[in-house]
Amino acid sequence: MNVFDFAMQMEIDGKAHYEKLAAGTTIAGLQNIFLMLAADEQKHYEVVQAMKVGHYGAISGSTALMRQRTCFRGL
């Protein structure tokens, strides 16, 4: 397994983990955060996949926690 395949598998595993966490909570704010983090993992996967074939570009930063910071007040 090369470094790109390894990194892509890590992103797949991370996405599955966040989706499992989202499914395991009834708190809507946490579900949203976990689903946004899962979506970020998908973006990371796509970036690494592009890098694997020689396309290098920038990835934008995640805004998942910034957009959901208010849900932490309720916890």
C-alpha atoms as a PDB file:
ATOM      1  CA  MET A   1       0.000   0.000   0.000  1.00  0.00           C
ATOM      2  CA  ASN A   2       1.468   3.343  -0.970  1.00  0.00           C
ATOM      3  CA  VAL A   3       1.195   6.534   1.075  1.00  0.00           C
ATOM      4  CA  PHE A   4      -1.737   7.859  -0.968  1.00  0.00           C
ATOM      5  CA  ASP A   5      -3.736   4.652  -0.563  1.00  0.00           C
ATOM      6  CA  PHE A   6      -2.979   4.658   3.159  1.00  0.00           C
ATOM      7  CA  ALA A   7      -4.074   8.293   3.527  1.00  0.00           C
ATOM      8  CA  MET A   8      -7.249   7.674   1.531  1.00  0.00           C
ATOM      9  CA  GLN A   9      -8.119   4.701   3.735  1.00  0.00           C
ATOM     10  CA  MET A  10      -7.590   6.841   6.834  1.00  0.00           C
ATOM     11  CA  GLU A  11     -10.044   9.400   5.457  1.00  0.00           C
ATOM     12  CA  ILE A  12     -12.611   6.681   4.702  1.00  0.00           C
ATOM     13  CA  ASP A  13     -12.209   5.321   8.231  1.00  0.00           C
ATOM     14  CA  GLY A  14     -12.497   8.811   9.726  1.00  0.00           C
ATOM     15  CA  LYS A  15     -15.654   9.525   7.757  1.00  0.00           C
ATOM     16  CA  ALA A  16     -17.223   6.260   8.916  1.00  0.00           C
ATOM     17  CA  HIS A  17     -16.280   7.045  12.509  1.00  0.00           C
ATOM     18  CA  TYR A  18     -17.933  10.487  12.416  1.00  0.00           C
ATOM     19  CA  GLU A  19     -21.022   9.050  10.750  1.00  0.00           C
ATOM     20  CA  LYS A  20     -21.232   6.407  13.488  1.00  0.00           C
ATOM     21  CA  LEU A  21     -20.936   9.101  16.158  1.00  0.00           C
ATOM     22  CA  ALA A  22     -23.670  11.132  14.444  1.00  0.00           C
ATOM     23  CA  ALA A  23     -25.956   8.106  14.377  1.00  0.00           C
ATOM     24  CA  GLY A  24     -25.248   7.406  18.030  1.00  0.00           C
ATOM     25  CA  THR A  25     -26.401  10.711  19.470  1.00  0.00           C
ATOM     26  CA  THR A  26     -29.810  12.293  19.776  1.00  0.00           C
ATOM     27  CA  ILE A  27     -28.411  15.798  20.246  1.00  0.00           C
ATOM     28  CA  ALA A  28     -29.063  17.602  16.980  1.00  0.00           C
ATOM     29  CA  GLY A  29     -26.132  20.001  17.373  1.00  0.00           C
ATOM     30  CA  LEU A  30     -23.677  17.152  17.856  1.00  0.00           C
ATOM     31  CA  GLN A  31     -25.166  15.263  14.938  1.00  0.00           C
ATOM     32  CA  ASN A  32     -24.600  18.310  12.747  1.00  0.00           C
ATOM     33  CA  ILE A  33     -21.001  18.661  13.876  1.00  0.00           C
ATOM     34  CA  PHE A  34     -20.233  15.000  13.301  1.00  0.00           C
ATOM     35  CA  LEU A  35     -21.836  15.085   9.855  1.00  0.00           C
ATOM     36  CA  MET A  36     -19.872  18.193   8.902  1.00  0.00           C
ATOM     37  CA  LEU A  37     -16.668  16.536  10.075  1.00  0.00           C
ATOM     38  CA  ALA A  38     -17.574  13.462   8.015  1.00  0.00           C
ATOM     39  CA  ALA A  39     -18.063  15.731   5.000  1.00  0.00           C
ATOM     40  CA  ASP A  40     -14.621  17.232   5.664  1.00  0.00           C
ATOM     41  CA  GLU A  41     -13.138  13.735   5.664  1.00  0.00           C
ATOM     42  CA  GLN A  42     -14.725  13.184   2.243  1.00  0.00           C
ATOM     43  CA  LYS A  43     -13.102  16.406   0.996  1.00  0.00           C
ATOM     44  CA  HIS A  44      -9.747  15.236   2.342  1.00  0.00           C
ATOM     45  CA  TYR A  45     -10.203  11.904   0.557  1.00  0.00           C
ATOM     46  CA  GLU A  46     -10.866  13.689  -2.730  1.00  0.00           C
ATOM     47  CA  VAL A  47      -7.803  15.911  -2.304  1.00  0.00           C
ATOM     48  CA  VAL A  48      -5.546  12.931  -1.625  1.00  0.00           C
ATOM     49  CA  GLN A  49      -7.116  11.052  -4.528  1.00  0.00           C
ATOM     50  CA  ALA A  50      -6.313  13.995  -6.822  1.00  0.00           C
ATOM     51  CA  MET A  51      -2.772  14.166  -5.463  1.00  0.00           C
ATOM     52  CA  LYS A  52      -2.341  10.479  -6.218  1.00  0.00           C
ATOM     53  CA  VAL A  53      -2.772  11.201  -9.921  1.00  0.00           C
ATOM     54  CA  GLY A  54      -0.591  14.312  -9.845  1.00  0.00           C
ATOM     55  CA  HIS A  55      -3.110  17.092  -9.289  1.00  0.00           C
ATOM     56  CA  TYR A  56      -1.941  19.267  -6.427  1.00  0.00           C
ATOM     57  CA  GLY A  57      -4.052  22.102  -5.104  1.00  0.00           C
ATOM     58  CA  ALA A  58      -5.070  23.813  -1.953  1.00  0.00           C
ATOM     59  CA  ILE A  59      -7.743  22.602   0.412  1.00  0.00           C
ATOM     60  CA  SER A  60      -9.901  25.116   2.185  1.00  0.00           C
ATOM     61  CA  GLY A  61     -10.069  25.041   5.943  1.00  0.00           C
ATOM     62  CA  SER A  62     -12.929  23.396   7.747  1.00  0.00           C
ATOM     63  CA  THR A  63     -15.652  25.629   9.099  1.00  0.00           C
ATOM     64  CA  ALA A  64     -17.533  22.780  10.766  1.00  0.00           C
ATOM     65  CA  LEU A  65     -16.825  23.763  14.343  1.00  0.00           C
ATOM     66  CA  MET A  66     -17.093  27.480  13.681  1.00  0.00           C
ATOM     67  CA  ARG A  67     -20.578  27.076  12.192  1.00  0.00           C
ATOM     68  CA  GLN A  68     -21.780  24.970  15.097  1.00  0.00           C
ATOM     69  CA  ARG A  69     -20.094  26.694  18.030  1.00  0.00           C
ATOM     70  CA  THR A  70     -23.441  27.804  19.431  1.00  0.00           C
ATOM     71  CA  CYS A  71     -24.559  24.213  19.983  1.00  0.00           C
ATOM     72  CA  PHE A  72     -21.851  23.848  22.643  1.00  0.00           C
ATOM     73  CA  ARG A  73     -23.560  26.526  24.736  1.00  0.00           C
ATOM     74  CA  GLY A  74     -26.529  24.223  25.158  1.00  0.00           C
ATOM     75  CA  LEU A  75     -24.389  21.358  26.359  1.00  0.00           C
END
